[in-house]
Amino acid sequence: MLFAAFIADDEDKSTTIYQRFERLSARNILYLESELTELEAKQDGLDEESRHDKDLASSVQSWEELHSQANYKMDDLSKESSFEERARKGRLATAAQDRLELARRIRSTLKEYHKALKLESDILTLSVPNKRTLKGVRRVFKNYDRHGNYRSEMIAGKMETHLDEENKGDLCVLATPAEQDRLTRLLEGRFAFIFR
């Protein structure tokens, strides 16, 4: 890909300009929050159920007990056990399995949620691209020659608009902006029309 080579060959990496996809990222985080809210409500419901059942209460207080109850097999009871005892153990096993499954889903979703928050926080600290650099990258991306004549897009499809003006608020540059000396800042500020 020509555009990828252009970015890779840039010494100061000021052309490493990409979209943040802030809207999609926000939606993803909100979906994860919604999912966690549902899981929390289920957990609260199971906790409430445990408060009214002393057999279930012991498994809430001990991971080992919960795990033991979840792995219960009918063969573990002696032949002399009553039907009621076997039914109670079977009910506890089902309840413990449900709780373990929920705990694992919460753990997995919470980990994904925290990871998404941390990544989004990191991405939001990335700088916006320098206007002049962005203009130059757009010229290369849109594949204009040095006289301003349009040749063709370097990338086709939906991606061809990612550097367009309507996306500028969603763009970030991965490289830290280089420090500029006073003369460069003066020239860019007062004589910017020369470099356009």
Protein backbone atom coordinates (compact mmCIF):
# COMPACT_ATOMS: atom_id res chain seq x y z
CA MET A 1 0.00 0.00 0.00
CA LEU A 2 1.49 3.33 -1.04
CA PHE A 3 -0.13 5.29 1.77
CA ALA A 4 1.21 2.88 4.42
CA ALA A 5 4.72 3.26 2.94
CA PHE A 6 4.31 7.06 3.05
CA ILE A 7 3.43 6.93 6.77
CA ALA A 8 6.20 4.43 7.58
CA ASP A 9 8.86 6.51 5.79
CA ASP A 10 8.02 9.71 7.67
CA GLU A 11 10.98 10.39 9.98
CA ASP A 12 9.18 12.47 12.60
CA LYS A 13 6.03 10.29 12.39
CA SER A 14 3.81 13.38 12.24
CA THR A 15 1.81 11.61 9.51
CA THR A 16 0.64 8.82 11.83
CA ILE A 17 -2.86 10.26 11.72
CA TYR A 18 -5.75 7.94 12.48
CA GLN A 19 -9.40 8.13 13.53
CA ARG A 20 -10.30 7.61 17.17
CA PHE A 21 -13.81 6.37 16.35
CA GLU A 22 -15.04 8.19 19.44
CA ARG A 23 -18.73 7.52 18.73
CA LEU A 24 -18.16 3.77 18.37
CA SER A 25 -15.91 3.72 21.41
CA ALA A 26 -18.52 5.53 23.52
CA ARG A 27 -21.19 3.13 22.30
CA ASN A 28 -19.00 0.13 23.16
CA ILE A 29 -18.41 1.44 26.69
CA LEU A 30 -22.12 2.15 27.15
CA TYR A 31 -23.00 -1.38 25.97
CA LEU A 32 -20.51 -2.81 28.46
CA GLU A 33 -21.99 -0.63 31.22
CA SER A 34 -25.47 -1.81 30.32
CA GLU A 35 -24.36 -5.43 30.36
CA LEU A 36 -22.68 -4.97 33.74
CA THR A 37 -25.80 -3.30 35.13
CA GLU A 38 -27.83 -6.36 34.10
CA LEU A 39 -25.28 -8.72 35.64
CA GLU A 40 -25.21 -6.67 38.84
CA ALA A 41 -29.01 -6.87 39.08
CA LYS A 42 -28.84 -10.67 38.67
CA GLN A 43 -26.12 -10.82 41.35
CA ASP A 44 -28.26 -8.72 43.70
CA GLY A 45 -31.21 -11.05 43.07
CA LEU A 46 -29.14 -14.13 43.88
CA ASP A 47 -27.76 -12.44 47.02
CA GLU A 48 -31.30 -11.65 48.15
CA GLU A 49 -32.32 -15.26 47.54
CA SER A 50 -29.34 -16.41 49.64
CA ARG A 51 -30.39 -14.23 52.60
CA HIS A 52 -33.59 -16.29 52.91
CA ASP A 53 -32.00 -19.72 52.49
CA LYS A 54 -29.38 -20.86 55.02
CA ASP A 55 -28.08 -23.58 52.67
CA LEU A 56 -27.36 -20.98 49.98
CA ALA A 57 -25.96 -18.49 52.49
CA SER A 58 -22.94 -20.71 53.22
CA SER A 59 -21.93 -20.78 49.56
CA VAL A 60 -22.09 -16.98 49.32
CA GLN A 61 -19.58 -16.67 52.15
CA SER A 62 -17.08 -19.22 50.86
CA TRP A 63 -15.71 -19.70 47.35
CA GLU A 64 -14.65 -23.23 48.25
CA GLU A 65 -18.16 -24.11 49.44
CA LEU A 66 -19.69 -22.61 46.31
CA HIS A 67 -17.31 -24.59 44.13
CA SER A 68 -17.94 -27.76 46.10
CA GLN A 69 -21.72 -27.37 45.81
CA ALA A 70 -21.47 -26.67 42.07
CA ASN A 71 -19.50 -29.87 41.50
CA TYR A 72 -21.87 -32.05 43.53
CA LYS A 73 -22.85 -35.32 41.92
CA MET A 74 -25.75 -37.53 43.00
CA ASP A 75 -23.34 -40.45 43.26
CA ASP A 76 -21.61 -38.66 46.14
CA LEU A 77 -24.55 -39.37 48.47
CA SER A 78 -24.82 -42.68 50.17
CA LYS A 79 -27.68 -45.01 49.23
CA GLU A 80 -29.21 -44.39 52.63
CA SER A 81 -29.73 -40.67 51.93
CA SER A 82 -33.34 -39.62 51.81
CA PHE A 83 -35.09 -38.36 48.72
CA GLU A 84 -35.39 -34.93 50.39
CA GLU A 85 -31.62 -34.79 51.05
CA ARG A 86 -30.82 -35.68 47.46
CA ALA A 87 -33.33 -33.09 46.18
CA ARG A 88 -31.82 -30.45 48.49
CA LYS A 89 -28.29 -31.26 47.27
CA GLY A 90 -29.44 -31.17 43.65
CA ARG A 91 -31.10 -27.78 44.19
CA LEU A 92 -27.93 -26.45 45.85
CA ALA A 93 -25.79 -27.76 42.99
CA THR A 94 -27.95 -25.99 40.40
CA ALA A 95 -27.96 -22.76 42.42
CA ALA A 96 -24.17 -22.92 42.91
CA GLN A 97 -23.60 -23.57 39.20
CA ASP A 98 -25.74 -20.53 38.36
CA ARG A 99 -23.73 -18.41 40.80
CA LEU A 100 -20.39 -19.62 39.44
CA GLU A 101 -21.47 -18.97 35.86
CA LEU A 102 -22.60 -15.46 36.83
CA ALA A 103 -19.35 -14.77 38.72
CA ARG A 104 -17.31 -15.78 35.67
CA ARG A 105 -19.42 -13.62 33.32
CA ILE A 106 -19.06 -10.65 35.69
CA ARG A 107 -15.30 -11.17 35.90
CA SER A 108 -14.91 -11.37 32.13
CA THR A 109 -17.20 -8.41 31.33
CA LEU A 110 -15.73 -6.25 34.10
CA LYS A 111 -12.22 -6.93 32.80
CA GLU A 112 -13.29 -5.99 29.27
CA TYR A 113 -15.02 -2.85 30.59
CA HIS A 114 -12.01 -1.67 32.61
CA LYS A 115 -9.72 -2.36 29.67
CA ALA A 116 -12.01 -0.32 27.37
CA LEU A 117 -12.06 2.58 29.87
CA LYS A 118 -8.28 2.59 30.21
CA LEU A 119 -7.73 2.43 26.46
CA GLU A 120 -10.26 5.20 25.84
CA SER A 121 -8.56 7.33 28.49
CA ASP A 122 -5.20 6.80 26.77
CA ILE A 123 -6.64 7.54 23.33
CA LEU A 124 -8.26 10.77 24.51
CA THR A 125 -4.83 12.09 25.54
CA LEU A 126 -3.50 11.79 21.96
CA SER A 127 -2.95 15.10 20.21
CA VAL A 128 -4.93 16.37 17.25
CA PRO A 129 -2.88 16.59 14.06
CA ASN A 130 -1.14 19.81 13.12
CA LYS A 131 -3.25 21.66 10.52
CA ARG A 132 -0.42 22.00 8.01
CA THR A 133 0.62 18.38 8.39
CA LEU A 134 -2.99 17.25 8.01
CA LYS A 135 -3.37 19.31 4.86
CA GLY A 136 -0.21 17.74 3.41
CA VAL A 137 -1.28 14.23 4.35
CA ARG A 138 -4.67 14.83 2.76
CA ARG A 139 -2.95 15.87 -0.48
CA VAL A 140 -0.92 12.65 -0.49
CA PHE A 141 -3.88 10.52 0.55
CA LYS A 142 -6.13 12.03 -2.09
CA ASN A 143 -3.21 11.52 -4.48
CA TYR A 144 -2.85 15.03 -5.86
CA ASP A 145 0.29 15.82 -7.81
CA ARG A 146 2.40 18.80 -6.76
CA HIS A 147 0.39 21.08 -9.08
CA GLY A 148 -2.87 20.22 -7.29
CA ASN A 149 -4.23 17.94 -9.99
CA TYR A 150 -6.30 15.07 -8.64
CA ARG A 151 -5.13 11.62 -9.74
CA SER A 152 -7.01 9.06 -7.63
CA GLU A 153 -7.59 7.94 -4.04
CA MET A 154 -4.76 5.93 -2.50
CA ILE A 155 -7.34 3.91 -0.59
CA ALA A 156 -10.82 3.15 -1.88
CA GLY A 157 -14.10 2.26 -0.21
CA LYS A 158 -15.41 3.65 3.09
CA MET A 159 -11.85 4.39 4.23
CA GLU A 160 -11.34 7.03 1.55
CA THR A 161 -13.13 9.68 3.65
CA HIS A 162 -11.31 9.11 6.93
CA LEU A 163 -9.16 12.26 6.58
CA ASP A 164 -11.99 14.45 5.28
CA GLU A 165 -12.92 17.71 6.99
CA GLU A 166 -16.02 16.26 8.70
CA ASN A 167 -13.78 13.77 10.54
CA LYS A 168 -11.15 16.26 11.74
CA GLY A 169 -12.50 16.28 15.32
CA ASP A 170 -12.12 12.50 15.43
CA LEU A 171 -8.51 12.43 14.23
CA CYS A 172 -5.44 11.95 16.37
CA VAL A 173 -1.73 11.72 15.74
CA LEU A 174 0.27 9.00 17.46
CA ALA A 175 3.60 10.83 17.46
CA THR A 176 4.31 13.49 20.06
CA PRO A 177 4.56 16.85 18.30
CA ALA A 178 8.18 17.91 17.81
CA GLU A 179 9.34 20.98 19.70
CA GLN A 180 9.78 23.89 17.36
CA ASP A 181 12.36 26.60 17.80
CA ARG A 182 11.33 30.26 17.97
CA LEU A 183 12.32 31.02 14.40
CA THR A 184 10.15 28.18 13.02
CA ARG A 185 7.19 29.32 15.12
CA LEU A 186 7.68 32.91 13.92
CA LEU A 187 7.88 31.87 10.27
CA GLU A 188 4.85 29.58 10.53
CA GLY A 189 2.86 32.22 12.38
CA ARG A 190 3.66 35.41 10.45
CA PHE A 191 4.54 33.97 7.06
CA ALA A 192 2.27 30.93 6.91
CA PHE A 193 0.84 32.11 3.60
CA ILE A 194 4.22 31.33 1.97
CA PHE A 195 4.07 27.66 3.02
CA ARG A 196 0.51 26.99 1.87
